[in-house]
Amino acid sequence: MSFMEQVNRRAGEAILRAIRNQIRQNKPPETRETFDRLLGEGYSKDEAYRLIGCVLSAEIYDMMEEQRVFDEPLYVKRLQALPKLPWEACPDESAGD
């Protein structure tokens, strides 16, 4: 396994742990709500974790890119938009750009 494959695997494991912690601690509660909603819509557990992971990864990327703290309202908004992915711009997010 190459170095980058190891990094990607570890990053994925860390994202999954973070999501499981959010669900277990119910913080924010919208993570659990989104997980349950996605299961109810027919997504598998793995796919629901992957979709939520996309939102968390996008938030982490934005935090680093914009040098800002975690934006929980934006994170929740993006969770609620799933299965639409964060990089599929929401109309009100791109307004004014």
N, C-alpha and C. Protein backbone atom coordinates (compact mmCIF):
# COMPACT_ATOMS: atom_id res chain seq x y z
N MET A 1 0.85 -1.17 0.00
CA MET A 1 0.00 0.00 0.00
C MET A 1 0.90 1.24 0.00
N SER A 2 0.60 2.17 -0.89
CA SER A 2 1.41 3.39 -0.97
C SER A 2 1.13 4.30 0.23
N PHE A 3 1.99 5.27 0.39
CA PHE A 3 1.84 6.23 1.47
C PHE A 3 0.51 6.95 1.38
N MET A 4 0.14 7.43 0.19
CA MET A 4 -1.12 8.16 0.02
C MET A 4 -2.33 7.26 0.27
N GLU A 5 -2.23 6.00 -0.09
CA GLU A 5 -3.33 5.08 0.20
C GLU A 5 -3.49 4.92 1.71
N GLN A 6 -2.37 4.86 2.43
CA GLN A 6 -2.42 4.76 3.89
C GLN A 6 -3.03 6.02 4.50
N VAL A 7 -2.64 7.17 3.98
CA VAL A 7 -3.19 8.44 4.46
C VAL A 7 -4.69 8.50 4.20
N ASN A 8 -5.10 8.14 3.00
CA ASN A 8 -6.52 8.17 2.66
C ASN A 8 -7.32 7.20 3.53
N ARG A 9 -6.78 6.02 3.77
CA ARG A 9 -7.46 5.04 4.61
C ARG A 9 -7.62 5.57 6.03
N ARG A 10 -6.55 6.14 6.56
CA ARG A 10 -6.59 6.68 7.93
C ARG A 10 -7.54 7.86 8.04
N ALA A 11 -7.54 8.71 7.03
CA ALA A 11 -8.46 9.85 7.03
C ALA A 11 -9.90 9.36 7.00
N GLY A 12 -10.18 8.37 6.17
CA GLY A 12 -11.52 7.80 6.10
C GLY A 12 -11.95 7.19 7.42
N GLU A 13 -11.03 6.50 8.08
CA GLU A 13 -11.33 5.90 9.38
C GLU A 13 -11.62 6.99 10.42
N ALA A 14 -10.87 8.08 10.37
CA ALA A 14 -11.07 9.19 11.32
C ALA A 14 -12.43 9.86 11.09
N ILE A 15 -12.80 10.03 9.83
CA ILE A 15 -14.11 10.62 9.50
C ILE A 15 -15.23 9.71 10.01
N LEU A 16 -15.10 8.42 9.79
CA LEU A 16 -16.11 7.47 10.25
C LEU A 16 -16.22 7.48 11.77
N ARG A 17 -15.09 7.52 12.47
CA ARG A 17 -15.12 7.61 13.94
C ARG A 17 -15.83 8.88 14.40
N ALA A 18 -15.54 9.98 13.73
CA ALA A 18 -16.17 11.26 14.10
C ALA A 18 -17.69 11.19 13.92
N ILE A 19 -18.13 10.60 12.83
CA ILE A 19 -19.58 10.48 12.58
C ILE A 19 -20.22 9.58 13.63
N ARG A 20 -19.59 8.46 13.93
CA ARG A 20 -20.13 7.56 14.95
C ARG A 20 -20.20 8.26 16.31
N ASN A 21 -19.20 9.07 16.63
CA ASN A 21 -19.21 9.82 17.89
C ASN A 21 -20.35 10.84 17.89
N GLN A 22 -20.56 11.53 16.77
CA GLN A 22 -21.66 12.49 16.68
C GLN A 22 -22.99 11.78 16.91
N ILE A 23 -23.17 10.62 16.33
CA ILE A 23 -24.41 9.87 16.50
C ILE A 23 -24.56 9.39 17.94
N ARG A 24 -23.50 8.83 18.49
CA ARG A 24 -23.55 8.30 19.86
C ARG A 24 -23.83 9.42 20.88
N GLN A 25 -23.18 10.56 20.70
CA GLN A 25 -23.32 11.67 21.64
C GLN A 25 -24.51 12.57 21.30
N ASN A 26 -25.14 12.30 20.16
CA ASN A 26 -26.28 13.10 19.70
C ASN A 26 -25.91 14.59 19.61
N LYS A 27 -24.71 14.82 19.07
CA LYS A 27 -24.21 16.20 18.95
C LYS A 27 -23.48 16.35 17.63
N PRO A 28 -24.04 17.04 16.68
CA PRO A 28 -25.38 17.61 16.71
C PRO A 28 -26.43 16.53 16.45
N PRO A 29 -27.63 16.72 16.96
CA PRO A 29 -28.68 15.71 16.79
C PRO A 29 -29.03 15.47 15.33
N GLU A 30 -28.77 16.44 14.48
CA GLU A 30 -29.09 16.31 13.06
C GLU A 30 -28.28 15.21 12.38
N THR A 31 -27.13 14.86 12.94
CA THR A 31 -26.36 13.76 12.35
C THR A 31 -27.14 12.47 12.48
N ARG A 32 -27.65 12.18 13.66
CA ARG A 32 -28.47 10.98 13.88
C ARG A 32 -29.74 11.05 13.04
N GLU A 33 -30.38 12.21 13.03
CA GLU A 33 -31.61 12.37 12.25
C GLU A 33 -31.35 12.10 10.77
N THR A 34 -30.25 12.61 10.26
CA THR A 34 -29.90 12.40 8.86
C THR A 34 -29.60 10.94 8.58
N PHE A 35 -28.84 10.32 9.47
CA PHE A 35 -28.52 8.90 9.32
C PHE A 35 -29.81 8.07 9.26
N ASP A 36 -30.70 8.30 10.20
CA ASP A 36 -31.97 7.57 10.23
C ASP A 36 -32.81 7.86 8.98
N ARG A 37 -32.84 9.12 8.56
CA ARG A 37 -33.60 9.49 7.36
C ARG A 37 -33.06 8.77 6.13
N LEU A 38 -31.75 8.75 5.98
CA LEU A 38 -31.15 8.08 4.82
C LEU A 38 -31.45 6.58 4.83
N LEU A 39 -31.40 5.96 6.01
CA LEU A 39 -31.76 4.54 6.10
C LEU A 39 -33.22 4.34 5.69
N GLY A 40 -34.09 5.24 6.15
CA GLY A 40 -35.50 5.18 5.81
C GLY A 40 -35.77 5.38 4.33
N GLU A 41 -34.86 6.09 3.66
CA GLU A 41 -34.99 6.33 2.22
C GLU A 41 -34.40 5.18 1.40
N GLY A 42 -33.89 4.15 2.10
CA GLY A 42 -33.39 2.97 1.40
C GLY A 42 -31.88 2.89 1.24
N TYR A 43 -31.15 3.84 1.77
CA TYR A 43 -29.69 3.76 1.69
C TYR A 43 -29.19 2.74 2.72
N SER A 44 -28.12 2.06 2.39
CA SER A 44 -27.51 1.12 3.34
C SER A 44 -26.78 1.93 4.41
N LYS A 45 -26.42 1.27 5.51
CA LYS A 45 -25.64 1.95 6.56
C LYS A 45 -24.33 2.49 5.99
N ASP A 46 -23.65 1.68 5.21
CA ASP A 46 -22.38 2.13 4.63
C ASP A 46 -22.56 3.36 3.76
N GLU A 47 -23.61 3.36 2.95
CA GLU A 47 -23.86 4.50 2.07
C GLU A 47 -24.26 5.74 2.88
N ALA A 48 -25.05 5.56 3.94
CA ALA A 48 -25.43 6.68 4.79
C ALA A 48 -24.18 7.28 5.46
N TYR A 49 -23.30 6.42 5.97
CA TYR A 49 -22.05 6.92 6.55
C TYR A 49 -21.21 7.64 5.49
N ARG A 50 -21.18 7.10 4.27
CA ARG A 50 -20.39 7.73 3.21
C ARG A 50 -20.93 9.11 2.88
N LEU A 51 -22.25 9.22 2.77
CA LEU A 51 -22.85 10.52 2.44
C LEU A 51 -22.60 11.54 3.55
N ILE A 52 -22.80 11.14 4.79
CA ILE A 52 -22.53 12.05 5.91
C ILE A 52 -21.04 12.39 5.95
N GLY A 53 -20.20 11.41 5.63
CA GLY A 53 -18.76 11.65 5.56
C GLY A 53 -18.40 12.69 4.52
N CYS A 54 -19.13 12.72 3.42
CA CYS A 54 -18.89 13.75 2.40
C CYS A 54 -19.15 15.14 2.98
N VAL A 55 -20.21 15.25 3.76
CA VAL A 55 -20.54 16.55 4.37
C VAL A 55 -19.46 16.94 5.38
N LEU A 56 -19.06 16.00 6.23
CA LEU A 56 -18.04 16.30 7.22
C LEU A 56 -16.71 16.63 6.55
N SER A 57 -16.35 15.90 5.53
CA SER A 57 -15.11 16.17 4.80
C SER A 57 -15.14 17.56 4.15
N ALA A 58 -16.27 17.92 3.58
CA ALA A 58 -16.41 19.24 2.97
C ALA A 58 -16.26 20.34 4.03
N GLU A 59 -16.83 20.11 5.20
CA GLU A 59 -16.71 21.10 6.28
C GLU A 59 -15.26 21.23 6.74
N ILE A 60 -14.58 20.11 6.90
CA ILE A 60 -13.17 20.15 7.29
C ILE A 60 -12.34 20.87 6.23
N TYR A 61 -12.60 20.58 4.98
CA TYR A 61 -11.89 21.25 3.89
C TYR A 61 -12.13 22.76 3.96
N ASP A 62 -13.40 23.15 4.09
CA ASP A 62 -13.74 24.57 4.14
C ASP A 62 -13.09 25.26 5.34
N MET A 63 -13.04 24.57 6.48
CA MET A 63 -12.39 25.14 7.67
C MET A 63 -10.93 25.44 7.38
N MET A 64 -10.26 24.51 6.75
CA MET A 64 -8.84 24.71 6.44
C MET A 64 -8.65 25.77 5.37
N GLU A 65 -9.45 25.71 4.33
CA GLU A 65 -9.33 26.64 3.21
C GLU A 65 -9.62 28.09 3.64
N GLU A 66 -10.66 28.25 4.48
CA GLU A 66 -11.09 29.58 4.90
C GLU A 66 -10.50 30.00 6.25
N GLN A 67 -9.72 29.10 6.85
CA GLN A 67 -9.10 29.34 8.16
C GLN A 67 -10.15 29.84 9.17
N ARG A 68 -11.14 29.00 9.35
CA ARG A 68 -12.25 29.33 10.26
C ARG A 68 -12.57 28.14 11.14
N VAL A 69 -13.44 28.38 12.11
CA VAL A 69 -13.88 27.32 13.02
C VAL A 69 -15.05 26.56 12.39
N PHE A 70 -15.38 25.45 13.00
CA PHE A 70 -16.50 24.61 12.57
C PHE A 70 -17.77 25.44 12.53
N ASP A 71 -18.48 25.37 11.41
CA ASP A 71 -19.73 26.11 11.20
C ASP A 71 -20.89 25.13 11.32
N GLU A 72 -21.38 24.96 12.55
CA GLU A 72 -22.42 23.96 12.78
C GLU A 72 -23.70 24.24 11.99
N PRO A 73 -24.18 25.49 11.92
CA PRO A 73 -25.40 25.72 11.11
C PRO A 73 -25.22 25.31 9.64
N LEU A 74 -24.07 25.58 9.06
CA LEU A 74 -23.81 25.17 7.67
C LEU A 74 -23.72 23.65 7.57
N TYR A 75 -23.05 23.03 8.53
CA TYR A 75 -22.94 21.57 8.57
C TYR A 75 -24.33 20.94 8.61
N VAL A 76 -25.19 21.45 9.48
CA VAL A 76 -26.55 20.93 9.61
C VAL A 76 -27.33 21.14 8.32
N LYS A 77 -27.19 22.31 7.73
CA LYS A 77 -27.87 22.60 6.46
C LYS A 77 -27.45 21.60 5.38
N ARG A 78 -26.16 21.30 5.34
CA ARG A 78 -25.67 20.35 4.35
C ARG A 78 -26.13 18.93 4.65
N LEU A 79 -26.22 18.57 5.94
CA LEU A 79 -26.76 17.26 6.29
C LEU A 79 -28.20 17.14 5.81
N GLN A 80 -28.97 18.19 6.05
CA GLN A 80 -30.38 18.16 5.68
C GLN A 80 -30.59 18.12 4.18
N ALA A 81 -29.59 18.57 3.41
CA ALA A 81 -29.69 18.55 1.96
C ALA A 81 -29.35 17.18 1.35
N LEU A 82 -28.75 16.30 2.14
CA LEU A 82 -28.38 14.98 1.61
C LEU A 82 -29.62 14.25 1.11
N PRO A 83 -29.53 13.52 0.02
CA PRO A 83 -28.33 13.00 -0.62
C PRO A 83 -27.64 13.96 -1.58
N LYS A 84 -28.14 15.20 -1.68
CA LYS A 84 -27.43 16.20 -2.50
C LYS A 84 -26.11 16.51 -1.80
N LEU A 85 -25.01 16.41 -2.53
CA LEU A 85 -23.69 16.58 -1.95
C LEU A 85 -23.30 18.05 -1.83
N PRO A 86 -22.46 18.37 -0.84
CA PRO A 86 -22.11 19.77 -0.58
C PRO A 86 -21.55 20.52 -1.78
N TRP A 87 -20.82 19.82 -2.64
CA TRP A 87 -20.22 20.51 -3.78
C TRP A 87 -21.21 20.70 -4.93
N GLU A 88 -22.44 20.20 -4.75
CA GLU A 88 -23.52 20.51 -5.68
C GLU A 88 -24.20 21.74 -5.09
N ALA A 89 -23.71 22.92 -5.45
CA ALA A 89 -24.02 24.19 -4.78
C ALA A 89 -25.50 24.37 -4.50
N CYS A 90 -25.77 24.79 -3.27
CA CYS A 90 -27.12 25.18 -2.89
C CYS A 90 -27.35 26.61 -3.41
N PRO A 91 -28.53 26.90 -3.93
CA PRO A 91 -28.75 28.24 -4.50
C PRO A 91 -28.43 29.38 -3.54
N ASP A 92 -28.82 29.28 -2.27
CA ASP A 92 -28.56 30.38 -1.35
C ASP A 92 -27.12 30.43 -0.88
N GLU A 93 -26.34 29.36 -1.03
CA GLU A 93 -24.92 29.39 -0.67
C GLU A 93 -24.13 30.14 -1.72
N SER A 94 -24.54 30.08 -2.99
CA SER A 94 -23.77 30.71 -4.04
C SER A 94 -24.28 32.12 -4.35
N ALA A 95 -25.40 32.51 -3.73
CA ALA A 95 -25.95 33.84 -3.98
C ALA A 95 -24.95 34.91 -3.53
N GLY A 96 -24.78 35.87 -4.35
CA GLY A 96 -23.90 36.98 -4.00
C GLY A 96 -22.46 36.74 -4.37
N ASP A 97 -22.12 35.59 -4.93
CA ASP A 97 -20.74 35.33 -5.35
C ASP A 97 -20.44 36.00 -6.68
